[in-house]
C-alpha atoms as a PDB file:
ATOM      1  CA  MET A   1    -334.104  72.502 117.774  1.00  0.00           C
ATOM      2  CA  LEU A   2    -335.161  70.222 114.969  1.00  0.00           C
ATOM      3  CA  ILE A   3    -336.823  70.996 112.452  1.00  0.00           C
ATOM      4  CA  GLU A   4    -338.434  68.584 109.546  1.00  0.00           C
ATOM      5  CA  ILE A   5    -336.377  69.044 106.156  1.00  0.00           C
ATOM      6  CA  GLY A   6    -338.010  66.284 104.583  1.00  0.00           C
ATOM      7  CA  TYR A   7    -337.227  63.816 102.425  1.00  0.00           C
ATOM      8  CA  ASP A   8    -335.797  64.023  98.456  1.00  0.00           C
ATOM      9  CA  ARG A   9    -337.439  60.950  96.886  1.00  0.00           C
ATOM     10  CA  ARG A  10    -335.651  61.838  93.675  1.00  0.00           C
ATOM     11  CA  ALA A  11    -332.327  62.253  94.709  1.00  0.00           C
ATOM     12  CA  ALA A  12    -332.379  59.178  96.822  1.00  0.00           C
ATOM     13  CA  VAL A  13    -333.541  57.207  93.846  1.00  0.00           C
ATOM     14  CA  ALA A  14    -330.979  58.718  91.432  1.00  0.00           C
ATOM     15  CA  TYR A  15    -328.266  57.660  93.217  1.00  0.00           C
ATOM     16  CA  ALA A  16    -329.674  54.025  93.819  1.00  0.00           C
ATOM     17  CA  LEU A  17    -329.542  53.594  90.064  1.00  0.00           C
ATOM     18  CA  ASN A  18    -325.986  55.701  89.587  1.00  0.00           C
ATOM     19  CA  TRP A  19    -324.702  53.427  92.699  1.00  0.00           C
ATOM     20  CA  ALA A  20    -326.496  50.147  91.820  1.00  0.00           C
ATOM     21  CA  PHE A  21    -323.489  48.569  89.895  1.00  0.00           C
ATOM     22  CA  ALA A  22    -320.723  50.005  91.423  1.00  0.00           C
ATOM     23  CA  ARG A  23    -319.545  50.963  94.735  1.00  0.00           C
ATOM     24  CA  ASN A  24    -319.070  54.783  95.971  1.00  0.00           C
ATOM     25  CA  PRO A  25    -315.717  55.236  96.953  1.00  0.00           C
ATOM     26  CA  ARG A  26    -316.717  57.380 100.045  1.00  0.00           C
ATOM     27  CA  PHE A  27    -318.104  54.366 101.654  1.00  0.00           C
ATOM     28  CA  TYR A  28    -316.556  50.752 102.647  1.00  0.00           C
ATOM     29  CA  ASP A  29    -317.872  47.880 100.661  1.00  0.00           C
ATOM     30  CA  PHE A  30    -318.692  45.403 103.412  1.00  0.00           C
ATOM     31  CA  GLU A  31    -319.612  42.734 100.780  1.00  0.00           C
ATOM     32  CA  ASP A  32    -316.704  40.116 101.967  1.00  0.00           C
ATOM     33  CA  ILE A  33    -317.492  40.484 105.493  1.00  0.00           C
ATOM     34  CA  GLY A  34    -321.566  40.387 105.735  1.00  0.00           C
ATOM     35  CA  GLY A  35    -322.566  41.993 103.132  1.00  0.00           C
ATOM     36  CA  ASP A  36    -323.346  45.451 101.595  1.00  0.00           C
ATOM     37  CA  CYS A  37    -327.072  45.659 101.393  1.00  0.00           C
ATOM     38  CA  THR A  38    -328.013  47.730 104.155  1.00  0.00           C
ATOM     39  CA  ASN A  39    -324.742  50.050 103.439  1.00  0.00           C
ATOM     40  CA  TYR A  40    -326.015  50.639 100.377  1.00  0.00           C
ATOM     41  CA  VAL A  41    -329.783  51.767 101.365  1.00  0.00           C
ATOM     42  CA  SER A  42    -328.232  53.791 104.035  1.00  0.00           C
ATOM     43  CA  GLN A  43    -326.294  55.691 101.544  1.00  0.00           C
ATOM     44  CA  CYS A  44    -329.867  55.515  99.193  1.00  0.00           C
ATOM     45  CA  LEU A  45    -331.439  57.313 102.153  1.00  0.00           C
ATOM     46  CA  TYR A  46    -328.924  59.628 102.962  1.00  0.00           C
ATOM     47  CA  ALA A  47    -328.497  61.027  99.134  1.00  0.00           C
ATOM     48  CA  GLY A  48    -332.572  61.774  99.753  1.00  0.00           C
ATOM     49  CA  CYS A  49    -331.738  64.028 103.007  1.00  0.00           C
ATOM     50  CA  ASP A  50    -328.140  64.906 103.908  1.00  0.00           C
ATOM     51  CA  VAL A  51    -328.365  64.217 107.415  1.00  0.00           C
ATOM     52  CA  MET A  52    -327.005  61.410 109.338  1.00  0.00           C
ATOM     53  CA  ASN A  53    -327.757  61.084 113.493  1.00  0.00           C
ATOM     54  CA  TYR A  54    -324.152  60.797 115.006  1.00  0.00           C
ATOM     55  CA  SER A  55    -326.145  59.635 118.534  1.00  0.00           C
ATOM     56  CA  GLN A  56    -323.801  57.372 120.207  1.00  0.00           C
ATOM     57  CA  ASN A  57    -326.281  55.204 121.781  1.00  0.00           C
ATOM     58  CA  ASN A  58    -328.928  54.744 118.315  1.00  0.00           C
ATOM     59  CA  GLY A  59    -327.788  56.726 115.633  1.00  0.00           C
ATOM     60  CA  TRP A  60    -327.287  56.277 112.431  1.00  0.00           C
ATOM     61  CA  PHE A  61    -324.080  57.668 110.559  1.00  0.00           C
ATOM     62  CA  TYR A  62    -321.159  56.694 108.593  1.00  0.00           C
ATOM     63  CA  ILE A  63    -317.848  58.064 108.992  1.00  0.00           C
ATOM     64  CA  ASN A  64    -315.607  55.302 107.795  1.00  0.00           C
ATOM     65  CA  SER A  65    -316.058  51.292 108.437  1.00  0.00           C
ATOM     66  CA  ASP A  66    -314.595  51.364 111.818  1.00  0.00           C
ATOM     67  CA  GLU A  67    -316.788  54.502 112.996  1.00  0.00           C
ATOM     68  CA  ARG A  68    -320.101  54.104 112.195  1.00  0.00           C
ATOM     69  CA  ALA A  69    -323.847  53.310 113.983  1.00  0.00           C
ATOM     70  CA  PRO A  70    -324.662  49.586 114.054  1.00  0.00           C
ATOM     71  CA  SER A  71    -327.850  50.856 112.171  1.00  0.00           C
ATOM     72  CA  TRP A  72    -325.921  52.103 109.394  1.00  0.00           C
ATOM     73  CA  THR A  73    -325.005  48.527 108.179  1.00  0.00           C
ATOM     74  CA  GLY A  74    -327.189  46.210 109.969  1.00  0.00           C
ATOM     75  CA  VAL A  75    -330.662  45.101 109.053  1.00  0.00           C
ATOM     76  CA  ASN A  76    -332.565  44.469 112.171  1.00  0.00           C
ATOM     77  CA  PHE A  77    -330.904  47.904 113.490  1.00  0.00           C
ATOM     78  CA  LEU A  78    -331.616  49.775 110.281  1.00  0.00           C
ATOM     79  CA  ARG A  79    -335.184  49.168 110.661  1.00  0.00           C
ATOM     80  CA  ASP A  80    -335.041  49.567 114.630  1.00  0.00           C
ATOM     81  CA  PHE A  81    -333.622  53.194 113.702  1.00  0.00           C
ATOM     82  CA  LEU A  82    -336.449  54.030 111.056  1.00  0.00           C
ATOM     83  CA  LEU A  83    -339.187  52.816 113.121  1.00  0.00           C
ATOM     84  CA  THR A  84    -338.243  55.179 116.266  1.00  0.00           C
ATOM     85  CA  ASN A  85    -335.979  57.559 115.329  1.00  0.00           C
ATOM     86  CA  ARG A  86    -337.384  60.714 116.931  1.00  0.00           C
ATOM     87  CA  GLY A  87    -334.241  62.790 116.512  1.00  0.00           C
ATOM     88  CA  THR A  88    -332.355  63.986 113.235  1.00  0.00           C
ATOM     89  CA  GLY A  89    -331.714  61.863 109.859  1.00  0.00           C
ATOM     90  CA  VAL A  90    -334.785  60.146 107.956  1.00  0.00           C
ATOM     91  CA  TYR A  91    -337.594  58.043 110.007  1.00  0.00           C
ATOM     92  CA  GLY A  92    -340.676  55.941 108.554  1.00  0.00           C
ATOM     93  CA  GLU A  93    -342.850  53.792 109.308  1.00  0.00           C
ATOM     94  CA  GLU A  94    -343.809  50.057 108.806  1.00  0.00           C
ATOM     95  CA  ALA A  95    -346.547  49.873 106.029  1.00  0.00           C
ATOM     96  CA  PRO A  96    -347.390  46.902 103.473  1.00  0.00           C
ATOM     97  CA  LEU A  97    -346.196  46.564 100.206  1.00  0.00           C
ATOM     98  CA  SER A  98    -349.137  48.004  98.481  1.00  0.00           C
ATOM     99  CA  GLU A  99    -348.510  51.565 100.140  1.00  0.00           C
ATOM    100  CA  LEU A 100    -344.665  51.778  99.378  1.00  0.00           C
ATOM    101  CA  ARG A 101    -343.214  54.362  96.664  1.00  0.00           C
ATOM    102  CA  ARG A 102    -339.931  55.114  95.190  1.00  0.00           C
ATOM    103  CA  GLY A 103    -337.326  55.787  97.608  1.00  0.00           C
ATOM    104  CA  ASP A 104    -338.952  53.325 100.512  1.00  0.00           C
ATOM    105  CA  ALA A 105    -337.152  50.294 101.928  1.00  0.00           C
ATOM    106  CA  ILE A 106    -338.194  46.609 102.227  1.00  0.00           C
ATOM    107  CA  GLN A 107    -336.663  43.927 104.244  1.00  0.00           C
ATOM    108  CA  LEU A 108    -336.652  40.126 103.010  1.00  0.00           C
ATOM    109  CA  ILE A 109    -337.277  37.501 105.702  1.00  0.00           C
ATOM    110  CA  ASN A 110    -336.817  33.827 105.157  1.00  0.00           C
ATOM    111  CA  SER A 111    -338.762  30.964 106.234  1.00  0.00           C
ATOM    112  CA  SER A 112    -336.771  31.127 109.511  1.00  0.00           C
ATOM    113  CA  GLY A 113    -338.767  34.485 110.410  1.00  0.00           C
ATOM    114  CA  ARG A 114    -334.841  35.801 110.382  1.00  0.00           C
ATOM    115  CA  PHE A 115    -334.855  39.579 108.149  1.00  0.00           C
ATOM    116  CA  TYR A 116    -331.474  39.083 106.007  1.00  0.00           C
ATOM    117  CA  HIS A 117    -331.685  41.557 103.514  1.00  0.00           C
ATOM    118  CA  THR A 118    -332.516  45.078 102.665  1.00  0.00           C
ATOM    119  CA  VAL A 119    -333.520  46.725  99.146  1.00  0.00           C
ATOM    120  CA  PHE A 120    -334.302  49.756  98.149  1.00  0.00           C
ATOM    121  CA  VAL A 121    -337.675  50.712  95.837  1.00  0.00           C
ATOM    122  CA  SER A 122    -336.589  52.230  92.989  1.00  0.00           C
ATOM    123  CA  ALA A 123    -340.322  52.473  91.078  1.00  0.00           C
ATOM    124  CA  VAL A 124    -343.683  50.812  91.908  1.00  0.00           C
ATOM    125  CA  PHE A 125    -346.367  50.427  89.480  1.00  0.00           C
ATOM    126  CA  SER A 126    -349.987  50.068  90.099  1.00  0.00           C
ATOM    127  CA  PRO A 127    -351.342  47.917  91.473  1.00  0.00           C
ATOM    128  CA  ALA A 128    -348.380  48.094  93.734  1.00  0.00           C
ATOM    129  CA  VAL A 129    -347.494  43.950  94.103  1.00  0.00           C
ATOM    130  CA  PRO A 130    -344.066  42.294  94.197  1.00  0.00           C
ATOM    131  CA  GLN A 131    -344.239  41.897  90.610  1.00  0.00           C
ATOM    132  CA  ASN A 132    -344.660  45.634  90.121  1.00  0.00           C
ATOM    133  CA  ILE A 133    -342.116  47.165  92.574  1.00  0.00           C
ATOM    134  CA  PHE A 134    -338.671  47.851  91.298  1.00  0.00           C
ATOM    135  CA  VAL A 135    -335.477  47.279  93.564  1.00  0.00           C
ATOM    136  CA  CYS A 136    -332.074  48.086  93.701  1.00  0.00           C
ATOM    137  CA  ALA A 137    -329.664  46.568  96.042  1.00  0.00           C
ATOM    138  CA  HIS A 138    -325.734  45.328  96.683  1.00  0.00           C
ATOM    139  CA  SER A 139    -324.982  42.142  97.554  1.00  0.00           C
ATOM    140  CA  VAL A 140    -326.130  40.354  94.566  1.00  0.00           C
ATOM    141  CA  ASP A 141    -326.497  43.929  93.057  1.00  0.00           C
ATOM    142  CA  ALA A 142    -329.787  44.635  91.450  1.00  0.00           C
ATOM    143  CA  ARG A 143    -331.197  47.904  89.566  1.00  0.00           C
ATOM    144  CA  ASN A 144    -334.586  47.867  89.221  1.00  0.00           C
ATOM    145  CA  ARG A 145    -334.921  43.626  89.683  1.00  0.00           C
ATOM    146  CA  ARG A 146    -338.864  43.235  90.178  1.00  0.00           C
ATOM    147  CA  LEU A 147    -339.173  42.245  93.829  1.00  0.00           C
ATOM    148  CA  SER A 148    -341.073  39.266  93.075  1.00  0.00           C
ATOM    149  CA  THR A 149    -337.466  37.559  91.475  1.00  0.00           C
ATOM    150  CA  TYR A 150    -336.494  37.317  95.230  1.00  0.00           C
ATOM    151  CA  ASN A 151    -336.793  34.351  97.402  1.00  0.00           C
ATOM    152  CA  TYR A 152    -338.200  35.050 100.588  1.00  0.00           C
ATOM    153  CA  ALA A 153    -341.135  33.991 103.084  1.00  0.00           C
ATOM    154  CA  ASP A 154    -342.167  37.529 103.898  1.00  0.00           C
ATOM    155  CA  THR A 155    -341.596  41.183 103.484  1.00  0.00           C
ATOM    156  CA  PHE A 156    -341.037  44.224 105.928  1.00  0.00           C
ATOM    157  CA  GLY A 157    -341.824  47.538 104.165  1.00  0.00           C
ATOM    158  CA  ILE A 158    -340.648  50.890 105.579  1.00  0.00           C
ATOM    159  CA  HIS A 159    -342.059  53.785 104.161  1.00  0.00           C
ATOM    160  CA  ILE A 160    -340.077  56.866 104.493  1.00  0.00           C
ATOM    161  CA  VAL A 161    -342.153  59.529 106.530  1.00  0.00           C
ATOM    162  CA  GLY A 162    -339.279  62.180 106.020  1.00  0.00           C
ATOM    163  CA  ALA A 163    -336.033  63.612 107.702  1.00  0.00           C
ATOM    164  CA  ARG A 164    -335.016  66.698 110.066  1.00  0.00           C
ATOM    165  CA  LYS A 165    -332.464  68.321 111.240  1.00  0.00           C
ATOM    166  CA  GLU A 166    -331.243  69.989 113.911  1.00  0.00           C
ATOM    167  CA  ILE A 167    -330.767  74.005 113.920  1.00  0.00           C
ATOM    168  CA  VAL A 168    -329.134  76.417 116.651  1.00  0.00           C
ATOM    169  CA  LEU A 169    -331.350  79.113 117.143  1.00  0.00           C
ATOM    170  CA  ARG A 170    -329.013  82.335 118.253  1.00  0.00           C
ATOM    171  CA  GLU A 171    -330.524  85.387 120.266  1.00  0.00           C
ATOM    172  CA  ALA A 172    -330.023  88.511 118.530  1.00  0.00           C
ATOM    173  CA  PRO A 173    -327.457  91.034 120.432  1.00  0.00           C
ATOM    174  CA  THR A 174    -329.080  93.055 122.518  1.00  0.00           C
END
């Protein structure tokens, strides 16, 4: 049975700030083989929910560099997972920048329409416009960097709604 467990934005942001300029040795650094941005954001999201989705078809998990879901490290795969996840782990919804909060994610889109970078929202000041949104990232490490300083054609905001985990109900002995 799936239950809602919530998403701890404070824990996720604390993780993001702590590891923005460093690498957690528990996770492989993908910087030299395509980039580490989505791996880092997945770590931040995991810090906020402490549950992975081990589904082999469309899950979100990391065991080691060879045993991980495409959504853990792939920009497009992470977006698809967060927007369609009905199982365990975090889940979200598309949201305009004006509705994002600390602990959410943003994906950057180039002029060709390609999603190429994932960043983690560490702070938002009113009004929530690019110069008032601060992010943490890997693949050009950043800690509380203004979103407006990035070079992008468009953005895709992902508001993290919550997280779920599976529990096993046991029947009482008769």
